[in-house]
Amino acid sequence: MMTGQQIKDEKHRIEEEKRRIEVEKRRIEEEKHRIEVEKLKIEHKKCSIEREKRKIEDEKRRIEDEKCRIEDEKRRLASVETLDDGMRAAMKELIKTAKIYYNSCSSAVKDAAKKFFEDIDHDKDGKVSLHEFLEFMEQEGHKKMSSRNFFETLVRKGSGTLNFTEVLAIFYIIQSGRPFCRRCNVFIAGMYFTCSECHESDSYDVIFLCPDCFENGSHTHRHGRRQFLDNYALLALKRKQRIDRAARHSKQVIEQ
């Protein structure tokens, strides 16, 4: 049987143990809190690393896009520099043709041509920049002409802008319906090939091909390749057909 002193000592020991346990519990809680804080720090660090990785990936993509843009620009500049003399000569002849028509047309057509130039020349400085040209072509729905390459086939070397005569050529192209290649979408300044059967029909869907695309045979057509003629041969054929029809009509009249 325990004495009073022993009971007192045991109570004291139990109280000490309880305090030690409480201290240990607080230490454990603090350790748990420290671990949670550390985990949050780690998660934050991971998020930062992920953001940094995304930034790096975005930057890599931007660099790749920029490299592609630079390569495209190099190719574009190279294509402009190597633009064949035939194309430039054909565009020069087209500008000359537009000027001839302008000089011989009615005052109403001349006024329309002048207004066309004024509408493109947004800042009214008497010349048309690439920006003005592209903006006007997009707004008016002339998407096939809305390109830097088309602009540069018309502009004089070194000038960087279009004058009234060169804009007159654009007006002439639009008004006359000069064709673009159905296959490559390039403007055909000179000779082209077209289906003679389509010209005989009432359809507005007449196909035009530049010499390169026609030679490559890369475009199929319902009337077949043999029905294609160049624009000069087609004109001669149409003239011959009119003469033949007139001759047949005269013969029928005489026989009656």
C-alpha atoms as a PDB file:
ATOM      1  CA  MET A   1       0.000   0.000   0.000  1.00  0.00           C
ATOM      2  CA  MET A   2       1.365   3.421  -1.072  1.00  0.00           C
ATOM      3  CA  THR A   3       2.108   6.017   1.519  1.00  0.00           C
ATOM      4  CA  GLY A   4       0.813   9.557   1.257  1.00  0.00           C
ATOM      5  CA  GLN A   5       4.197  10.784   0.060  1.00  0.00           C
ATOM      6  CA  GLN A   6       4.343   8.100  -2.649  1.00  0.00           C
ATOM      7  CA  ILE A   7       0.862   9.014  -3.826  1.00  0.00           C
ATOM      8  CA  LYS A   8       1.881  12.666  -3.922  1.00  0.00           C
ATOM      9  CA  ASP A   9       5.051  11.832  -5.872  1.00  0.00           C
ATOM     10  CA  GLU A  10       3.082   9.666  -8.330  1.00  0.00           C
ATOM     11  CA  LYS A  11       0.589  12.465  -8.915  1.00  0.00           C
ATOM     12  CA  HIS A  12       3.458  14.844  -9.508  1.00  0.00           C
ATOM     13  CA  ARG A  13       5.055  12.377 -11.964  1.00  0.00           C
ATOM     14  CA  ILE A  14       1.753  11.971 -13.789  1.00  0.00           C
ATOM     15  CA  GLU A  15       1.321  15.750 -14.038  1.00  0.00           C
ATOM     16  CA  GLU A  16       4.878  16.076 -15.363  1.00  0.00           C
ATOM     17  CA  GLU A  17       4.189  13.344 -17.913  1.00  0.00           C
ATOM     18  CA  LYS A  18       0.994  15.077 -18.967  1.00  0.00           C
ATOM     19  CA  ARG A  19       2.884  18.348 -19.409  1.00  0.00           C
ATOM     20  CA  ARG A  20       5.569  16.529 -21.380  1.00  0.00           C
ATOM     21  CA  ILE A  21       2.903  14.938 -23.551  1.00  0.00           C
ATOM     22  CA  GLU A  22       1.270  18.340 -24.131  1.00  0.00           C
ATOM     23  CA  VAL A  23       4.635  19.832 -25.042  1.00  0.00           C
ATOM     24  CA  GLU A  24       5.257  16.922 -27.402  1.00  0.00           C
ATOM     25  CA  LYS A  25       1.792  17.364 -28.942  1.00  0.00           C
ATOM     26  CA  ARG A  26       2.498  21.072 -29.498  1.00  0.00           C
ATOM     27  CA  ARG A  27       5.847  20.192 -31.004  1.00  0.00           C
ATOM     28  CA  ILE A  28       4.180  17.654 -33.292  1.00  0.00           C
ATOM     29  CA  GLU A  29       1.528  20.201 -34.297  1.00  0.00           C
ATOM     30  CA  GLU A  30       4.204  22.786 -34.955  1.00  0.00           C
ATOM     31  CA  GLU A  31       6.128  20.232 -36.979  1.00  0.00           C
ATOM     32  CA  LYS A  32       2.980  19.385 -38.920  1.00  0.00           C
ATOM     33  CA  HIS A  33       2.389  23.083 -39.527  1.00  0.00           C
ATOM     34  CA  ARG A  34       6.003  23.501 -40.635  1.00  0.00           C
ATOM     35  CA  ILE A  35       5.604  20.554 -42.998  1.00  0.00           C
ATOM     36  CA  GLU A  36       2.374  22.027 -44.415  1.00  0.00           C
ATOM     37  CA  VAL A  37       4.102  25.373 -44.930  1.00  0.00           C
ATOM     38  CA  GLU A  38       6.999  23.592 -46.593  1.00  0.00           C
ATOM     39  CA  LYS A  39       4.586  21.671 -48.803  1.00  0.00           C
ATOM     40  CA  LEU A  40       2.916  24.935 -49.787  1.00  0.00           C
ATOM     41  CA  LYS A  41       6.303  26.399 -50.579  1.00  0.00           C
ATOM     42  CA  ILE A  42       7.134  23.358 -52.684  1.00  0.00           C
ATOM     43  CA  GLU A  43       3.784  23.607 -54.503  1.00  0.00           C
ATOM     44  CA  HIS A  44       4.352  27.287 -55.083  1.00  0.00           C
ATOM     45  CA  LYS A  45       7.830  26.525 -56.358  1.00  0.00           C
ATOM     46  CA  LYS A  46       6.426  23.837 -58.653  1.00  0.00           C
ATOM     47  CA  CYS A  47       3.839  26.288 -59.980  1.00  0.00           C
ATOM     48  CA  SER A  48       6.576  28.842 -60.562  1.00  0.00           C
ATOM     49  CA  ILE A  49       8.648  26.233 -62.374  1.00  0.00           C
ATOM     50  CA  GLU A  50       5.644  25.250 -64.508  1.00  0.00           C
ATOM     51  CA  ARG A  51       4.970  28.887 -65.338  1.00  0.00           C
ATOM     52  CA  GLU A  52       8.610  29.332 -66.224  1.00  0.00           C
ATOM     53  CA  LYS A  53       8.509  26.210 -68.386  1.00  0.00           C
ATOM     54  CA  ARG A  54       5.416  27.520 -70.174  1.00  0.00           C
ATOM     55  CA  LYS A  55       7.138  30.854 -70.681  1.00  0.00           C
ATOM     56  CA  ILE A  56      10.159  29.058 -72.122  1.00  0.00           C
ATOM     57  CA  GLU A  57       7.927  26.955 -74.403  1.00  0.00           C
ATOM     58  CA  ASP A  58       6.020  30.057 -75.500  1.00  0.00           C
ATOM     59  CA  GLU A  59       9.285  31.817 -76.183  1.00  0.00           C
ATOM     60  CA  LYS A  60      10.545  28.803 -78.168  1.00  0.00           C
ATOM     61  CA  ARG A  61       7.340  28.816 -80.234  1.00  0.00           C
ATOM     62  CA  ARG A  62       7.653  32.566 -80.735  1.00  0.00           C
ATOM     63  CA  ILE A  63      11.234  32.123 -81.895  1.00  0.00           C
ATOM     64  CA  GLU A  64      10.178  29.324 -84.269  1.00  0.00           C
ATOM     65  CA  ASP A  65       7.336  31.469 -85.614  1.00  0.00           C
ATOM     66  CA  GLU A  66       9.741  34.352 -86.051  1.00  0.00           C
ATOM     67  CA  LYS A  67      12.203  32.088 -87.844  1.00  0.00           C
ATOM     68  CA  CYS A  68       9.400  30.911 -90.159  1.00  0.00           C
ATOM     69  CA  ARG A  69       8.336  34.510 -90.733  1.00  0.00           C
ATOM     70  CA  ILE A  70      11.919  35.499 -91.546  1.00  0.00           C
ATOM     71  CA  GLU A  71      12.266  32.554 -93.936  1.00  0.00           C
ATOM     72  CA  ASP A  72       8.972  33.475 -95.601  1.00  0.00           C
ATOM     73  CA  GLU A  73      10.131  37.060 -95.895  1.00  0.00           C
ATOM     74  CA  LYS A  74      13.438  35.904 -97.367  1.00  0.00           C
ATOM     75  CA  ARG A  75      11.597  33.788 -99.928  1.00  0.00           C
ATOM     76  CA  ARG A  76       9.242  36.663-100.682  1.00  0.00           C
ATOM     77  CA  LEU A  77      12.118  39.079-101.178  1.00  0.00           C
ATOM     78  CA  ALA A  78      13.937  36.516-103.293  1.00  0.00           C
ATOM     79  CA  SER A  79      10.845  35.996-105.432  1.00  0.00           C
ATOM     80  CA  VAL A  80      10.510  39.756-105.867  1.00  0.00           C
ATOM     81  CA  GLU A  81      14.172  40.091-106.763  1.00  0.00           C
ATOM     82  CA  THR A  82      13.981  37.224-109.243  1.00  0.00           C
ATOM     83  CA  LEU A  83      10.634  38.254-110.728  1.00  0.00           C
ATOM     84  CA  ASP A  84      11.057  37.321-114.376  1.00  0.00           C
ATOM     85  CA  ASP A  85      11.523  40.025-116.974  1.00  0.00           C
ATOM     86  CA  GLY A  86       8.548  38.677-118.930  1.00  0.00           C
ATOM     87  CA  MET A  87       6.144  39.440-116.075  1.00  0.00           C
ATOM     88  CA  ARG A  88       7.499  42.941-115.559  1.00  0.00           C
ATOM     89  CA  ALA A  89       7.383  43.578-119.300  1.00  0.00           C
ATOM     90  CA  ALA A  90       3.784  42.302-119.452  1.00  0.00           C
ATOM     91  CA  MET A  91       2.749  44.569-116.553  1.00  0.00           C
ATOM     92  CA  LYS A  92       4.494  47.476-118.256  1.00  0.00           C
ATOM     93  CA  GLU A  93       2.478  46.783-121.408  1.00  0.00           C
ATOM     94  CA  LEU A  94      -0.703  46.520-119.340  1.00  0.00           C
ATOM     95  CA  ILE A  95      -0.029  49.926-117.761  1.00  0.00           C
ATOM     96  CA  LYS A  96       0.529  51.317-121.253  1.00  0.00           C
ATOM     97  CA  THR A  97      -2.754  49.740-122.455  1.00  0.00           C
ATOM     98  CA  ALA A  98      -4.675  51.208-119.519  1.00  0.00           C
ATOM     99  CA  LYS A  99      -3.254  54.647-120.319  1.00  0.00           C
ATOM    100  CA  ILE A 100      -4.291  54.342-123.987  1.00  0.00           C
ATOM    101  CA  TYR A 101      -7.854  53.442-122.990  1.00  0.00           C
ATOM    102  CA  TYR A 102      -7.927  56.302-120.484  1.00  0.00           C
ATOM    103  CA  ASN A 103      -6.813  58.862-123.071  1.00  0.00           C
ATOM    104  CA  SER A 104      -9.520  57.753-125.529  1.00  0.00           C
ATOM    105  CA  CYS A 105     -12.423  57.122-123.114  1.00  0.00           C
ATOM    106  CA  SER A 106     -15.354  59.362-122.206  1.00  0.00           C
ATOM    107  CA  SER A 107     -15.168  62.068-119.550  1.00  0.00           C
ATOM    108  CA  ALA A 108     -17.454  59.979-117.320  1.00  0.00           C
ATOM    109  CA  VAL A 109     -14.985  57.071-117.351  1.00  0.00           C
ATOM    110  CA  LYS A 110     -12.086  59.464-116.713  1.00  0.00           C
ATOM    111  CA  ASP A 111     -13.935  60.894-113.733  1.00  0.00           C
ATOM    112  CA  ALA A 112     -14.550  57.358-112.419  1.00  0.00           C
ATOM    113  CA  ALA A 113     -10.847  56.542-112.792  1.00  0.00           C
ATOM    114  CA  LYS A 114      -9.847  59.721-110.952  1.00  0.00           C
ATOM    115  CA  LYS A 115     -12.289  58.954-108.141  1.00  0.00           C
ATOM    116  CA  PHE A 116     -10.882  55.425-107.952  1.00  0.00           C
ATOM    117  CA  PHE A 117      -7.401  56.890-107.420  1.00  0.00           C
ATOM    118  CA  GLU A 118      -8.665  59.369-104.822  1.00  0.00           C
ATOM    119  CA  ASP A 119     -10.424  56.587-102.912  1.00  0.00           C
ATOM    120  CA  ILE A 120      -7.214  54.553-102.686  1.00  0.00           C
ATOM    121  CA  ASP A 121      -5.018  57.575-101.897  1.00  0.00           C
ATOM    122  CA  HIS A 122      -6.349  57.880 -98.356  1.00  0.00           C
ATOM    123  CA  ASP A 123      -3.903  60.556 -97.147  1.00  0.00           C
ATOM    124  CA  LYS A 124      -4.266  62.572-100.396  1.00  0.00           C
ATOM    125  CA  ASP A 125      -0.523  62.909-101.007  1.00  0.00           C
ATOM    126  CA  GLY A 126      -0.803  62.027-104.696  1.00  0.00           C
ATOM    127  CA  LYS A 127       0.671  58.538-104.377  1.00  0.00           C
ATOM    128  CA  VAL A 128      -0.529  55.173-103.086  1.00  0.00           C
ATOM    129  CA  SER A 129       1.450  53.313-100.429  1.00  0.00           C
ATOM    130  CA  LEU A 130       1.402  49.561 -99.874  1.00  0.00           C
ATOM    131  CA  HIS A 131      -0.737  50.044 -96.745  1.00  0.00           C
ATOM    132  CA  GLU A 132      -3.302  52.155 -98.617  1.00  0.00           C
ATOM    133  CA  PHE A 133      -3.382  49.651-101.471  1.00  0.00           C
ATOM    134  CA  LEU A 134      -3.876  46.585 -99.252  1.00  0.00           C
ATOM    135  CA  GLU A 135      -6.499  48.291 -97.084  1.00  0.00           C
ATOM    136  CA  PHE A 136      -8.545  49.425-100.096  1.00  0.00           C
ATOM    137  CA  MET A 137      -8.356  46.045-101.859  1.00  0.00           C
ATOM    138  CA  GLU A 138      -9.515  44.227 -98.715  1.00  0.00           C
ATOM    139  CA  GLN A 139     -12.383  46.656 -98.152  1.00  0.00           C
ATOM    140  CA  GLU A 140     -13.560  46.426-101.756  1.00  0.00           C
ATOM    141  CA  GLY A 141     -13.339  42.620-101.857  1.00  0.00           C
ATOM    142  CA  HIS A 142     -10.520  42.366-104.418  1.00  0.00           C
ATOM    143  CA  LYS A 143      -8.770  39.685-102.376  1.00  0.00           C
ATOM    144  CA  LYS A 144      -6.728  38.207-105.227  1.00  0.00           C
ATOM    145  CA  MET A 145      -5.086  41.587-105.798  1.00  0.00           C
ATOM    146  CA  SER A 146      -4.671  42.256-102.084  1.00  0.00           C
ATOM    147  CA  SER A 147      -1.049  41.160-101.799  1.00  0.00           C
ATOM    148  CA  ARG A 148       2.379  42.699-101.551  1.00  0.00           C
ATOM    149  CA  ASN A 149       3.595  40.727-104.579  1.00  0.00           C
ATOM    150  CA  PHE A 150       0.844  42.098-106.827  1.00  0.00           C
ATOM    151  CA  PHE A 151       1.625  45.622-105.604  1.00  0.00           C
ATOM    152  CA  GLU A 152       5.313  45.169-106.362  1.00  0.00           C
ATOM    153  CA  THR A 153       4.650  43.980-109.928  1.00  0.00           C
ATOM    154  CA  LEU A 154       3.108  47.394-110.628  1.00  0.00           C
ATOM    155  CA  VAL A 155       5.366  49.709-108.659  1.00  0.00           C
ATOM    156  CA  ARG A 156       8.461  51.232-110.235  1.00  0.00           C
ATOM    157  CA  LYS A 157      11.706  49.912-108.785  1.00  0.00           C
ATOM    158  CA  GLY A 158      12.890  52.064-105.919  1.00  0.00           C
ATOM    159  CA  SER A 159       9.738  54.192-105.652  1.00  0.00           C
ATOM    160  CA  GLY A 160       7.780  52.090-103.145  1.00  0.00           C
ATOM    161  CA  THR A 161       4.495  53.758-104.142  1.00  0.00           C
ATOM    162  CA  LEU A 162       2.050  53.762-107.059  1.00  0.00           C
ATOM    163  CA  ASN A 163       1.402  56.829-109.168  1.00  0.00           C
ATOM    164  CA  PHE A 164      -1.838  57.661-110.991  1.00  0.00           C
ATOM    165  CA  THR A 165      -0.881  55.767-114.176  1.00  0.00           C
ATOM    166  CA  GLU A 166      -0.066  52.607-112.222  1.00  0.00           C
ATOM    167  CA  VAL A 167      -3.321  52.834-110.270  1.00  0.00           C
ATOM    168  CA  LEU A 168      -5.029  53.343-113.624  1.00  0.00           C
ATOM    169  CA  ALA A 169      -3.806  49.845-114.538  1.00  0.00           C
ATOM    170  CA  ILE A 170      -5.592  48.457-111.447  1.00  0.00           C
ATOM    171  CA  PHE A 171      -8.771  50.284-112.481  1.00  0.00           C
ATOM    172  CA  TYR A 172      -8.426  48.780-115.970  1.00  0.00           C
ATOM    173  CA  ILE A 173      -7.887  45.252-114.579  1.00  0.00           C
ATOM    174  CA  ILE A 174     -11.025  45.485-112.444  1.00  0.00           C
ATOM    175  CA  GLN A 175     -13.215  47.051-115.117  1.00  0.00           C
ATOM    176  CA  SER A 176     -12.068  44.751-117.922  1.00  0.00           C
ATOM    177  CA  GLY A 177     -12.220  41.579-115.849  1.00  0.00           C
ATOM    178  CA  ARG A 178      -8.648  40.571-116.609  1.00  0.00           C
ATOM    179  CA  PRO A 179      -8.169  37.028-115.324  1.00  0.00           C
ATOM    180  CA  PHE A 180      -6.318  35.386-112.467  1.00  0.00           C
ATOM    181  CA  CYS A 181      -5.082  31.817-112.776  1.00  0.00           C
ATOM    182  CA  ARG A 182      -7.623  29.344-111.375  1.00  0.00           C
ATOM    183  CA  ARG A 183      -4.813  27.086-110.121  1.00  0.00           C
ATOM    184  CA  CYS A 184      -2.169  29.393-108.569  1.00  0.00           C
ATOM    185  CA  ASN A 185      -4.305  32.584-108.200  1.00  0.00           C
ATOM    186  CA  VAL A 186      -1.583  34.685-109.819  1.00  0.00           C
ATOM    187  CA  PHE A 187      -2.664  37.600-112.005  1.00  0.00           C
ATOM    188  CA  ILE A 188      -2.169  36.788-115.701  1.00  0.00           C
ATOM    189  CA  ALA A 189      -0.691  39.876-117.299  1.00  0.00           C
ATOM    190  CA  GLY A 190      -0.012  38.251-120.673  1.00  0.00           C
ATOM    191  CA  MET A 191      -1.109  35.095-122.436  1.00  0.00           C
ATOM    192  CA  TYR A 192      -3.441  32.608-120.745  1.00  0.00           C
ATOM    193  CA  PHE A 193      -5.244  29.373-121.596  1.00  0.00           C
ATOM    194  CA  THR A 194      -9.002  28.966-121.332  1.00  0.00           C
ATOM    195  CA  CYS A 195     -11.665  26.408-122.224  1.00  0.00           C
ATOM    196  CA  SER A 196     -13.298  27.169-125.581  1.00  0.00           C
ATOM    197  CA  GLU A 197     -16.361  25.055-124.652  1.00  0.00           C
ATOM    198  CA  CYS A 198     -17.002  27.150-121.533  1.00  0.00           C
ATOM    199  CA  HIS A 199     -17.017  30.301-123.668  1.00  0.00           C
ATOM    200  CA  GLU A 200     -19.786  28.787-125.789  1.00  0.00           C
ATOM    201  CA  SER A 201     -21.992  28.088-122.750  1.00  0.00           C
ATOM    202  CA  ASP A 202     -24.081  30.489-120.675  1.00  0.00           C
ATOM    203  CA  SER A 203     -22.052  29.717-117.537  1.00  0.00           C
ATOM    204  CA  TYR A 204     -20.087  32.469-115.826  1.00  0.00           C
ATOM    205  CA  ASP A 205     -17.668  29.883-114.444  1.00  0.00           C
ATOM    206  CA  VAL A 206     -15.018  30.235-117.159  1.00  0.00           C
ATOM    207  CA  ILE A 207     -11.624  28.823-116.241  1.00  0.00           C
ATOM    208  CA  PHE A 208      -8.352  30.636-116.929  1.00  0.00           C
ATOM    209  CA  LEU A 209      -4.899  29.115-116.456  1.00  0.00           C
ATOM    210  CA  CYS A 210      -1.474  30.729-116.635  1.00  0.00           C
ATOM    211  CA  PRO A 211       0.986  29.050-119.073  1.00  0.00           C
ATOM    212  CA  ASP A 212       2.926  27.379-116.222  1.00  0.00           C
ATOM    213  CA  CYS A 213      -0.140  25.741-114.661  1.00  0.00           C
ATOM    214  CA  PHE A 214      -1.491  24.672-118.045  1.00  0.00           C
ATOM    215  CA  GLU A 215       1.875  23.170-119.006  1.00  0.00           C
ATOM    216  CA  ASN A 216       2.115  21.278-115.711  1.00  0.00           C
ATOM    217  CA  GLY A 217      -1.310  19.760-116.316  1.00  0.00           C
ATOM    218  CA  SER A 218      -2.098  20.134-112.610  1.00  0.00           C
ATOM    219  CA  HIS A 219      -5.713  21.191-113.144  1.00  0.00           C
ATOM    220  CA  THR A 220      -8.497  18.918-114.386  1.00  0.00           C
ATOM    221  CA  HIS A 221     -11.555  20.211-116.237  1.00  0.00           C
ATOM    222  CA  ARG A 222     -14.836  18.650-117.299  1.00  0.00           C
ATOM    223  CA  HIS A 223     -14.325  19.511-120.986  1.00  0.00           C
ATOM    224  CA  GLY A 224     -10.820  18.071-121.117  1.00  0.00           C
ATOM    225  CA  ARG A 225      -7.425  19.544-121.888  1.00  0.00           C
ATOM    226  CA  ARG A 226      -7.869  19.476-125.682  1.00  0.00           C
ATOM    227  CA  GLN A 227     -10.583  22.147-125.510  1.00  0.00           C
ATOM    228  CA  PHE A 228      -8.146  24.701-124.071  1.00  0.00           C
ATOM    229  CA  LEU A 229      -6.836  27.489-126.293  1.00  0.00           C
ATOM    230  CA  ASP A 230      -4.675  30.488-125.565  1.00  0.00           C
ATOM    231  CA  ASN A 231      -6.433  33.859-125.635  1.00  0.00           C
ATOM    232  CA  TYR A 232      -5.073  34.763-129.086  1.00  0.00           C
ATOM    233  CA  ALA A 233      -6.097  31.445-130.649  1.00  0.00           C
ATOM    234  CA  LEU A 234      -9.529  31.734-129.009  1.00  0.00           C
ATOM    235  CA  LEU A 235     -10.010  35.215-130.473  1.00  0.00           C
ATOM    236  CA  ALA A 236      -9.075  33.907-133.927  1.00  0.00           C
ATOM    237  CA  LEU A 237     -11.443  30.942-133.505  1.00  0.00           C
ATOM    238  CA  LYS A 238     -14.353  33.195-132.491  1.00  0.00           C
ATOM    239  CA  ARG A 239     -13.693  35.445-135.488  1.00  0.00           C
ATOM    240  CA  LYS A 240     -13.619  32.430-137.829  1.00  0.00           C
ATOM    241  CA  GLN A 241     -16.877  31.104-136.335  1.00  0.00           C
ATOM    242  CA  ARG A 242     -18.575  34.481-136.898  1.00  0.00           C
ATOM    243  CA  ILE A 243     -17.378  34.567-140.508  1.00  0.00           C
ATOM    244  CA  ASP A 244     -18.590  30.979-141.055  1.00  0.00           C
ATOM    245  CA  ARG A 245     -21.999  31.765-139.568  1.00  0.00           C
ATOM    246  CA  ALA A 246     -22.308  34.867-141.731  1.00  0.00           C
ATOM    247  CA  ALA A 247     -21.369  32.855-144.821  1.00  0.00           C
ATOM    248  CA  ARG A 248     -23.939  30.144-144.036  1.00  0.00           C
ATOM    249  CA  HIS A 249     -26.609  32.773-143.455  1.00  0.00           C
ATOM    250  CA  SER A 250     -25.814  34.454-146.803  1.00  0.00           C
ATOM    251  CA  LYS A 251     -25.981  31.091-148.579  1.00  0.00           C
ATOM    252  CA  GLN A 252     -29.375  30.332-147.045  1.00  0.00           C
ATOM    253  CA  VAL A 253     -30.684  33.758-148.119  1.00  0.00           C
ATOM    254  CA  ILE A 254     -29.457  33.221-151.694  1.00  0.00           C
ATOM    255  CA  GLU A 255     -30.964  29.735-151.882  1.00  0.00           C
ATOM    256  CA  GLN A 256     -34.336  31.050-150.734  1.00  0.00           C
END
